[in-house]
PDB file of all heavy atoms in Angstrom:
ATOM      1  N   ILE A   1      15.043 -11.671  -6.488  1.00  0.00           N
ATOM      2  CA  ILE A   1      13.651 -12.144  -6.323  1.00  0.00           C
ATOM      3  C   ILE A   1      13.220 -12.878  -7.576  1.00  0.00           C
ATOM      4  O   ILE A   1      13.314 -12.320  -8.697  1.00  0.00           O
ATOM      5  CB  ILE A   1      12.676 -10.978  -6.072  1.00  0.00           C
ATOM      6  CG1 ILE A   1      13.138 -10.106  -4.897  1.00  0.00           C
ATOM      7  CG2 ILE A   1      11.263 -11.467  -5.845  1.00  0.00           C
ATOM      8  CD1 ILE A   1      12.393  -8.763  -4.783  1.00  0.00           C
ATOM      9  N   ILE A   2      12.752 -14.095  -7.417  1.00  0.00           N
ATOM     10  CA  ILE A   2      12.171 -14.829  -8.520  1.00  0.00           C
ATOM     11  C   ILE A   2      10.667 -14.933  -8.265  1.00  0.00           C
ATOM     12  O   ILE A   2      10.234 -15.375  -7.212  1.00  0.00           O
ATOM     13  CB  ILE A   2      12.787 -16.236  -8.659  1.00  0.00           C
ATOM     14  CG1 ILE A   2      14.278 -16.144  -9.003  1.00  0.00           C
ATOM     15  CG2 ILE A   2      12.038 -17.048  -9.701  1.00  0.00           C
ATOM     16  CD1 ILE A   2      14.993 -17.489  -9.056  1.00  0.00           C
ATOM     17  N   GLN A   3       9.905 -14.497  -9.273  1.00  0.00           N
ATOM     18  CA  GLN A   3       8.446 -14.561  -9.163  1.00  0.00           C
ATOM     19  C   GLN A   3       7.927 -15.597 -10.153  1.00  0.00           C
ATOM     20  O   GLN A   3       8.464 -15.764 -11.248  1.00  0.00           O
ATOM     21  CB  GLN A   3       7.828 -13.188  -9.454  1.00  0.00           C
ATOM     22  CG  GLN A   3       6.329 -13.112  -9.326  1.00  0.00           C
ATOM     23  CD  GLN A   3       5.597 -13.378 -10.627  1.00  0.00           C
ATOM     24  OE1 GLN A   3       6.195 -13.546 -11.688  1.00  0.00           O
ATOM     25  NE2 GLN A   3       4.279 -13.457 -10.570  1.00  0.00           N
ATOM     26  N   GLY A   4       6.887 -16.313  -9.728  1.00  0.00           N
ATOM     27  CA  GLY A   4       6.331 -17.349 -10.613  1.00  0.00           C
ATOM     28  C   GLY A   4       4.859 -17.553 -10.391  1.00  0.00           C
ATOM     29  O   GLY A   4       4.232 -16.866  -9.561  1.00  0.00           O
ATOM     30  N   THR A   5       4.283 -18.464 -11.121  1.00  0.00           N
ATOM     31  CA  THR A   5       2.859 -18.782 -11.037  1.00  0.00           C
ATOM     32  C   THR A   5       2.672 -20.263 -10.712  1.00  0.00           C
ATOM     33  O   THR A   5       3.529 -21.084 -11.017  1.00  0.00           O
ATOM     34  CB  THR A   5       2.143 -18.451 -12.347  1.00  0.00           C
ATOM     35  OG1 THR A   5       0.771 -18.725 -12.196  1.00  0.00           O
ATOM     36  CG2 THR A   5       2.680 -19.297 -13.507  1.00  0.00           C
ATOM     37  N   LEU A   6       1.546 -20.556 -10.124  1.00  0.00           N
ATOM     38  CA  LEU A   6       1.128 -21.939  -9.867  1.00  0.00           C
ATOM     39  C   LEU A   6       0.155 -22.404 -10.948  1.00  0.00           C
ATOM     40  O   LEU A   6      -0.266 -23.572 -10.952  1.00  0.00           O
ATOM     41  CB  LEU A   6       0.510 -22.079  -8.484  1.00  0.00           C
ATOM     42  CG  LEU A   6       1.424 -21.644  -7.338  1.00  0.00           C
ATOM     43  CD1 LEU A   6       0.673 -21.582  -6.013  1.00  0.00           C
ATOM     44  CD2 LEU A   6       2.649 -22.516  -7.228  1.00  0.00           C
ATOM     45  N   ALA A   7      -0.189 -21.497 -11.875  1.00  0.00           N
ATOM     46  CA  ALA A   7      -0.974 -21.864 -13.057  1.00  0.00           C
ATOM     47  C   ALA A   7       0.039 -22.252 -14.169  1.00  0.00           C
ATOM     48  O   ALA A   7       1.134 -22.694 -13.877  1.00  0.00           O
ATOM     49  CB  ALA A   7      -1.843 -20.678 -13.467  1.00  0.00           C
ATOM     50  N   LYS A   8      -0.365 -22.128 -15.384  1.00  0.00           N
ATOM     51  CA  LYS A   8       0.510 -22.377 -16.535  1.00  0.00           C
ATOM     52  C   LYS A   8       1.248 -23.695 -16.424  1.00  0.00           C
ATOM     53  O   LYS A   8       0.636 -24.746 -16.434  1.00  0.00           O
ATOM     54  CB  LYS A   8       1.414 -21.167 -16.761  1.00  0.00           C
ATOM     55  CG  LYS A   8       0.596 -19.887 -17.002  1.00  0.00           C
ATOM     56  CD  LYS A   8       1.418 -18.683 -17.259  1.00  0.00           C
ATOM     57  CE  LYS A   8       0.564 -17.457 -17.626  1.00  0.00           C
ATOM     58  NZ  LYS A   8      -0.237 -16.945 -16.516  1.00  0.00           N
ATOM     59  N   GLY A   9       2.569 -23.675 -16.252  1.00  0.00           N
ATOM     60  CA  GLY A   9       3.337 -24.928 -16.227  1.00  0.00           C
ATOM     61  C   GLY A   9       2.939 -25.876 -15.109  1.00  0.00           C
ATOM     62  O   GLY A   9       3.106 -27.083 -15.255  1.00  0.00           O
ATOM     63  N   PHE A  10       2.394 -25.363 -14.008  1.00  0.00           N
ATOM     64  CA  PHE A  10       1.970 -26.204 -12.894  1.00  0.00           C
ATOM     65  C   PHE A  10       0.477 -26.510 -12.921  1.00  0.00           C
ATOM     66  O   PHE A  10      -0.019 -27.324 -12.138  1.00  0.00           O
ATOM     67  CB  PHE A  10       2.367 -25.592 -11.565  1.00  0.00           C
ATOM     68  CG  PHE A  10       3.873 -25.468 -11.401  1.00  0.00           C
ATOM     69  CD1 PHE A  10       4.456 -24.280 -10.977  1.00  0.00           C
ATOM     70  CD2 PHE A  10       4.702 -26.537 -11.655  1.00  0.00           C
ATOM     71  CE1 PHE A  10       5.840 -24.173 -10.832  1.00  0.00           C
ATOM     72  CE2 PHE A  10       6.091 -26.433 -11.523  1.00  0.00           C
ATOM     73  CZ  PHE A  10       6.639 -25.243 -11.099  1.00  0.00           C
ATOM     74  N   GLY A  11      -0.281 -25.780 -13.755  1.00  0.00           N
ATOM     75  CA  GLY A  11      -1.651 -26.160 -14.057  1.00  0.00           C
ATOM     76  C   GLY A  11      -2.716 -25.894 -12.994  1.00  0.00           C
ATOM     77  O   GLY A  11      -3.836 -26.377 -13.126  1.00  0.00           O
ATOM     78  N   VAL A  12      -2.407 -25.121 -11.968  1.00  0.00           N
ATOM     79  CA  VAL A  12      -3.406 -24.887 -10.900  1.00  0.00           C
ATOM     80  C   VAL A  12      -3.748 -23.400 -10.913  1.00  0.00           C
ATOM     81  O   VAL A  12      -4.202 -22.873 -11.924  1.00  0.00           O
ATOM     82  CB  VAL A  12      -2.925 -25.395  -9.542  1.00  0.00           C
ATOM     83  CG1 VAL A  12      -4.025 -25.421  -8.516  1.00  0.00           C
ATOM     84  CG2 VAL A  12      -2.378 -26.830  -9.666  1.00  0.00           C
ATOM     85  N   VAL A  13      -3.533 -22.662  -9.844  1.00  0.00           N
ATOM     86  CA  VAL A  13      -3.769 -21.222  -9.815  1.00  0.00           C
ATOM     87  C   VAL A  13      -3.053 -20.652  -8.611  1.00  0.00           C
ATOM     88  O   VAL A  13      -2.849 -21.326  -7.593  1.00  0.00           O
ATOM     89  CB  VAL A  13      -5.287 -20.893  -9.760  1.00  0.00           C
ATOM     90  CG1 VAL A  13      -5.879 -21.331  -8.416  1.00  0.00           C
ATOM     91  CG2 VAL A  13      -5.558 -19.410 -10.022  1.00  0.00           C
ATOM     92  N   GLY A  14      -2.619 -19.366  -8.733  1.00  0.00           N
ATOM     93  CA  GLY A  14      -1.890 -18.735  -7.637  1.00  0.00           C
ATOM     94  C   GLY A  14      -0.558 -18.212  -8.129  1.00  0.00           C
ATOM     95  O   GLY A  14      -0.120 -18.514  -9.243  1.00  0.00           O
ATOM     96  N   GLY A  15       0.101 -17.379  -7.301  1.00  0.00           N
ATOM     97  CA  GLY A  15       1.429 -16.862  -7.645  1.00  0.00           C
ATOM     98  C   GLY A  15       2.322 -16.928  -6.426  1.00  0.00           C
ATOM     99  O   GLY A  15       1.886 -17.253  -5.321  1.00  0.00           O
ATOM    100  N   TYR A  16       3.604 -16.581  -6.621  1.00  0.00           N
ATOM    101  CA  TYR A  16       4.549 -16.637  -5.499  1.00  0.00           C
ATOM    102  C   TYR A  16       5.801 -15.843  -5.810  1.00  0.00           C
ATOM    103  O   TYR A  16       6.073 -15.472  -6.957  1.00  0.00           O
ATOM    104  CB  TYR A  16       4.929 -18.107  -5.204  1.00  0.00           C
ATOM    105  CG  TYR A  16       5.733 -18.787  -6.287  1.00  0.00           C
ATOM    106  CD1 TYR A  16       7.114 -18.727  -6.367  1.00  0.00           C
ATOM    107  CD2 TYR A  16       5.065 -19.502  -7.301  1.00  0.00           C
ATOM    108  CE1 TYR A  16       7.822 -19.334  -7.376  1.00  0.00           C
ATOM    109  CE2 TYR A  16       5.773 -20.101  -8.322  1.00  0.00           C
ATOM    110  CZ  TYR A  16       7.129 -20.027  -8.365  1.00  0.00           C
ATOM    111  OH  TYR A  16       7.863 -20.634  -9.384  1.00  0.00           O
ATOM    112  N   ILE A  17       6.564 -15.589  -4.776  1.00  0.00           N
ATOM    113  CA  ILE A  17       7.921 -15.099  -4.912  1.00  0.00           C
ATOM    114  C   ILE A  17       8.860 -15.993  -4.085  1.00  0.00           C
ATOM    115  O   ILE A  17       8.422 -16.592  -3.092  1.00  0.00           O
ATOM    116  CB  ILE A  17       8.072 -13.616  -4.468  1.00  0.00           C
ATOM    117  CG1 ILE A  17       7.623 -13.429  -3.014  1.00  0.00           C
ATOM    118  CG2 ILE A  17       7.326 -12.671  -5.398  1.00  0.00           C
ATOM    119  CD1 ILE A  17       7.946 -12.062  -2.425  1.00  0.00           C
ATOM    120  N   ALA A  18      10.104 -16.038  -4.495  1.00  0.00           N
ATOM    121  CA  ALA A  18      11.127 -16.772  -3.749  1.00  0.00           C
ATOM    122  C   ALA A  18      12.349 -15.843  -3.629  1.00  0.00           C
ATOM    123  O   ALA A  18      12.745 -15.233  -4.626  1.00  0.00           O
ATOM    124  CB  ALA A  18      11.504 -18.069  -4.452  1.00  0.00           C
ATOM    125  N   ALA A  19      12.899 -15.756  -2.431  1.00  0.00           N
ATOM    126  CA  ALA A  19      14.035 -14.824  -2.194  1.00  0.00           C
ATOM    127  C   ALA A  19      14.674 -15.160  -0.863  1.00  0.00           C
ATOM    128  O   ALA A  19      14.460 -16.262  -0.305  1.00  0.00           O
ATOM    129  CB  ALA A  19      13.510 -13.393  -2.208  1.00  0.00           C
ATOM    130  N   SER A  20      15.446 -14.209  -0.312  1.00  0.00           N
ATOM    131  CA  SER A  20      16.035 -14.428   1.007  1.00  0.00           C
ATOM    132  C   SER A  20      14.948 -14.439   2.072  1.00  0.00           C
ATOM    133  O   SER A  20      13.858 -13.886   1.896  1.00  0.00           O
ATOM    134  CB  SER A  20      17.034 -13.310   1.293  1.00  0.00           C
ATOM    135  OG  SER A  20      16.371 -12.072   1.518  1.00  0.00           O
ATOM    136  N   ALA A  21      15.256 -15.005   3.218  1.00  0.00           N
ATOM    137  CA  ALA A  21      14.276 -15.091   4.303  1.00  0.00           C
ATOM    138  C   ALA A  21      13.852 -13.706   4.772  1.00  0.00           C
ATOM    139  O   ALA A  21      12.670 -13.460   5.032  1.00  0.00           O
ATOM    140  CB  ALA A  21      14.868 -15.884   5.465  1.00  0.00           C
ATOM    141  N   ASN A  22      14.803 -12.760   4.872  1.00  0.00           N
ATOM    142  CA  ASN A  22      14.465 -11.416   5.317  1.00  0.00           C
ATOM    143  C   ASN A  22      13.574 -10.696   4.347  1.00  0.00           C
ATOM    144  O   ASN A  22      12.587 -10.020   4.724  1.00  0.00           O
ATOM    145  CB  ASN A  22      15.740 -10.600   5.559  1.00  0.00           C
ATOM    146  CG  ASN A  22      16.428 -10.977   6.856  1.00  0.00           C
ATOM    147  OD1 ASN A  22      15.819 -11.473   7.790  1.00  0.00           O
ATOM    148  ND2 ASN A  22      17.740 -10.747   6.917  1.00  0.00           N
ATOM    149  N   LEU A  23      13.902 -10.781   3.046  1.00  0.00           N
ATOM    150  CA  LEU A  23      13.061 -10.084   2.040  1.00  0.00           C
ATOM    151  C   LEU A  23      11.651 -10.651   2.045  1.00  0.00           C
ATOM    152  O   LEU A  23      10.653  -9.908   1.995  1.00  0.00           O
ATOM    153  CB  LEU A  23      13.706 -10.234   0.660  1.00  0.00           C
ATOM    154  CG  LEU A  23      13.131  -9.346  -0.439  1.00  0.00           C
ATOM    155  CD1 LEU A  23      14.184  -9.034  -1.485  1.00  0.00           C
ATOM    156  CD2 LEU A  23      11.903  -9.944  -1.117  1.00  0.00           C
ATOM    157  N   ILE A  24      11.530 -11.989   2.084  1.00  0.00           N
ATOM    158  CA  ILE A  24      10.213 -12.618   2.122  1.00  0.00           C
ATOM    159  C   ILE A  24       9.444 -12.150   3.359  1.00  0.00           C
ATOM    160  O   ILE A  24       8.230 -11.852   3.274  1.00  0.00           O
ATOM    161  CB  ILE A  24      10.312 -14.147   2.069  1.00  0.00           C
ATOM    162  CG1 ILE A  24      10.872 -14.613   0.724  1.00  0.00           C
ATOM    163  CG2 ILE A  24       8.995 -14.804   2.398  1.00  0.00           C
ATOM    164  CD1 ILE A  24       9.974 -14.341  -0.448  1.00  0.00           C
ATOM    165  N   ASP A  25      10.111 -12.090   4.464  1.00  0.00           N
ATOM    166  CA  ASP A  25       9.419 -11.679   5.700  1.00  0.00           C
ATOM    167  C   ASP A  25       8.939 -10.238   5.618  1.00  0.00           C
ATOM    168  O   ASP A  25       7.895  -9.875   6.162  1.00  0.00           O
ATOM    169  CB  ASP A  25      10.333 -11.894   6.915  1.00  0.00           C
ATOM    170  CG  ASP A  25       9.548 -12.081   8.203  1.00  0.00           C
ATOM    171  OD1 ASP A  25       8.311 -12.185   8.168  1.00  0.00           O
ATOM    172  OD2 ASP A  25      10.180 -12.139   9.280  1.00  0.00           O
ATOM    173  N   VAL A  26       9.727  -9.386   4.957  1.00  0.00           N
ATOM    174  CA  VAL A  26       9.311  -7.968   4.786  1.00  0.00           C
ATOM    175  C   VAL A  26       8.021  -7.915   3.956  1.00  0.00           C
ATOM    176  O   VAL A  26       7.091  -7.203   4.313  1.00  0.00           O
ATOM    177  CB  VAL A  26      10.459  -7.149   4.152  1.00  0.00           C
ATOM    178  CG1 VAL A  26       9.903  -5.851   3.554  1.00  0.00           C
ATOM    179  CG2 VAL A  26      11.519  -6.868   5.172  1.00  0.00           C
ATOM    180  N   VAL A  27       7.962  -8.638   2.836  1.00  0.00           N
ATOM    181  CA  VAL A  27       6.771  -8.616   2.006  1.00  0.00           C
ATOM    182  C   VAL A  27       5.582  -9.238   2.767  1.00  0.00           C
ATOM    183  O   VAL A  27       4.455  -8.752   2.714  1.00  0.00           O
ATOM    184  CB  VAL A  27       6.979  -9.352   0.672  1.00  0.00           C
ATOM    185  CG1 VAL A  27       5.720  -9.388  -0.162  1.00  0.00           C
ATOM    186  CG2 VAL A  27       8.110  -8.678  -0.128  1.00  0.00           C
ATOM    187  N   ARG A  28       5.855 -10.310   3.506  1.00  0.00           N
ATOM    188  CA  ARG A  28       4.812 -10.934   4.335  1.00  0.00           C
ATOM    189  C   ARG A  28       4.260  -9.947   5.343  1.00  0.00           C
ATOM    190  O   ARG A  28       3.046  -9.928   5.615  1.00  0.00           O
ATOM    191  CB  ARG A  28       5.405 -12.154   5.050  1.00  0.00           C
ATOM    192  CG  ARG A  28       4.394 -12.981   5.874  1.00  0.00           C
ATOM    193  CD  ARG A  28       5.095 -13.986   6.751  1.00  0.00           C
ATOM    194  NE  ARG A  28       5.808 -13.356   7.854  1.00  0.00           N
ATOM    195  CZ  ARG A  28       5.245 -13.074   9.035  1.00  0.00           C
ATOM    196  NH1 ARG A  28       3.961 -13.349   9.250  1.00  0.00           N
ATOM    197  NH2 ARG A  28       5.942 -12.478  10.003  1.00  0.00           N
ATOM    198  N   SER A  29       5.113  -9.150   5.902  1.00  0.00           N
ATOM    199  CA  SER A  29       4.753  -8.245   7.019  1.00  0.00           C
ATOM    200  C   SER A  29       4.200  -6.894   6.574  1.00  0.00           C
ATOM    201  O   SER A  29       3.477  -6.241   7.311  1.00  0.00           O
ATOM    202  CB  SER A  29       5.964  -8.009   7.918  1.00  0.00           C
ATOM    203  OG  SER A  29       6.466  -9.219   8.437  1.00  0.00           O
ATOM    204  N   TYR A  30       4.582  -6.452   5.331  1.00  0.00           N
ATOM    205  CA  TYR A  30       4.199  -5.126   4.871  1.00  0.00           C
ATOM    206  C   TYR A  30       3.329  -5.130   3.601  1.00  0.00           C
ATOM    207  O   TYR A  30       2.691  -4.153   3.303  1.00  0.00           O
ATOM    208  CB  TYR A  30       5.449  -4.286   4.559  1.00  0.00           C
ATOM    209  CG  TYR A  30       6.205  -3.809   5.761  1.00  0.00           C
ATOM    210  CD1 TYR A  30       7.241  -4.593   6.321  1.00  0.00           C
ATOM    211  CD2 TYR A  30       5.915  -2.590   6.373  1.00  0.00           C
ATOM    212  CE1 TYR A  30       7.976  -4.148   7.415  1.00  0.00           C
ATOM    213  CE2 TYR A  30       6.633  -2.136   7.486  1.00  0.00           C
ATOM    214  CZ  TYR A  30       7.645  -2.929   8.001  1.00  0.00           C
ATOM    215  OH  TYR A  30       8.359  -2.491   9.113  1.00  0.00           O
ATOM    216  N   GLY A  31       3.317  -6.235   2.861  1.00  0.00           N
ATOM    217  CA  GLY A  31       2.658  -6.245   1.563  1.00  0.00           C
ATOM    218  C   GLY A  31       1.139  -6.293   1.696  1.00  0.00           C
ATOM    219  O   GLY A  31       0.554  -7.297   2.102  1.00  0.00           O
ATOM    220  N   GLN A  32       0.478  -5.204   1.292  1.00  0.00           N
ATOM    221  CA  GLN A  32      -0.964  -5.104   1.483  1.00  0.00           C
ATOM    222  C   GLN A  32      -1.746  -6.119   0.654  1.00  0.00           C
ATOM    223  O   GLN A  32      -2.778  -6.643   1.091  1.00  0.00           O
ATOM    224  CB  GLN A  32      -1.411  -3.682   1.151  1.00  0.00           C
ATOM    225  CG  GLN A  32      -0.824  -2.632   2.095  1.00  0.00           C
ATOM    226  CD  GLN A  32      -1.349  -1.231   1.826  1.00  0.00           C
ATOM    227  OE1 GLN A  32      -2.407  -1.076   1.218  1.00  0.00           O
ATOM    228  NE2 GLN A  32      -0.619  -0.226   2.277  1.00  0.00           N
ATOM    229  N   GLY A  33      -1.282  -6.437  -0.560  1.00  0.00           N
ATOM    230  CA  GLY A  33      -1.953  -7.411  -1.370  1.00  0.00           C
ATOM    231  C   GLY A  33      -1.837  -8.826  -0.849  1.00  0.00           C
ATOM    232  O   GLY A  33      -2.592  -9.716  -1.249  1.00  0.00           O
ATOM    233  N   PHE A  34      -0.922  -9.030   0.098  1.00  0.00           N
ATOM    234  CA  PHE A  34      -0.804 -10.329   0.759  1.00  0.00           C
ATOM    235  C   PHE A  34      -1.600 -10.339   2.065  1.00  0.00           C
ATOM    236  O   PHE A  34      -2.294 -11.325   2.391  1.00  0.00           O
ATOM    237  CB  PHE A  34       0.688 -10.622   1.075  1.00  0.00           C
ATOM    238  CG  PHE A  34       0.887 -11.871   1.907  1.00  0.00           C
ATOM    239  CD1 PHE A  34       0.865 -13.113   1.297  1.00  0.00           C
ATOM    240  CD2 PHE A  34       1.064 -11.783   3.262  1.00  0.00           C
ATOM    241  CE1 PHE A  34       1.023 -14.278   2.085  1.00  0.00           C
ATOM    242  CE2 PHE A  34       1.253 -12.923   4.032  1.00  0.00           C
ATOM    243  CZ  PHE A  34       1.220 -14.165   3.435  1.00  0.00           C
ATOM    244  N   ILE A  35      -1.495  -9.255   2.824  1.00  0.00           N
ATOM    245  CA  ILE A  35      -2.087  -9.198   4.154  1.00  0.00           C
ATOM    246  C   ILE A  35      -3.624  -9.169   4.119  1.00  0.00           C
ATOM    247  O   ILE A  35      -4.281  -9.929   4.845  1.00  0.00           O
ATOM    248  CB  ILE A  35      -1.589  -7.951   4.921  1.00  0.00           C
ATOM    249  CG1 ILE A  35      -0.090  -8.058   5.168  1.00  0.00           C
ATOM    250  CG2 ILE A  35      -2.341  -7.762   6.245  1.00  0.00           C
ATOM    251  CD1 ILE A  35       0.560  -6.750   5.677  1.00  0.00           C
ATOM    252  N   PHE A  36      -4.179  -8.328   3.267  1.00  0.00           N
ATOM    253  CA  PHE A  36      -5.617  -8.029   3.358  1.00  0.00           C
ATOM    254  C   PHE A  36      -6.449  -8.812   2.370  1.00  0.00           C
ATOM    255  O   PHE A  36      -7.297  -8.279   1.651  1.00  0.00           O
ATOM    256  CB  PHE A  36      -5.830  -6.525   3.154  1.00  0.00           C
ATOM    257  CG  PHE A  36      -5.209  -5.699   4.220  1.00  0.00           C
ATOM    258  CD1 PHE A  36      -4.046  -4.975   3.964  1.00  0.00           C
ATOM    259  CD2 PHE A  36      -5.732  -5.636   5.495  1.00  0.00           C
ATOM    260  CE1 PHE A  36      -3.443  -4.192   4.960  1.00  0.00           C
ATOM    261  CE2 PHE A  36      -5.155  -4.868   6.511  1.00  0.00           C
ATOM    262  CZ  PHE A  36      -3.993  -4.135   6.221  1.00  0.00           C
ATOM    263  N   THR A  37      -6.252 -10.125   2.351  1.00  0.00           N
ATOM    264  CA  THR A  37      -7.071 -10.983   1.483  1.00  0.00           C
ATOM    265  C   THR A  37      -7.135 -12.403   2.046  1.00  0.00           C
ATOM    266  O   THR A  37      -6.190 -12.844   2.740  1.00  0.00           O
ATOM    267  CB  THR A  37      -6.520 -11.005   0.033  1.00  0.00           C
ATOM    268  OG1 THR A  37      -7.445 -11.658  -0.823  1.00  0.00           O
ATOM    269  CG2 THR A  37      -5.195 -11.765  -0.037  1.00  0.00           C
TER     270      THR A  37
END
């Protein structure tokens, strides 16, 4: 899992993760900080 920001070097705001399709889908489907905002 590689985690990064859309601020700092990219100059905007936000964060992200990049990984396998299955792992990303698990966080998308179960991650409360992603779902409930």
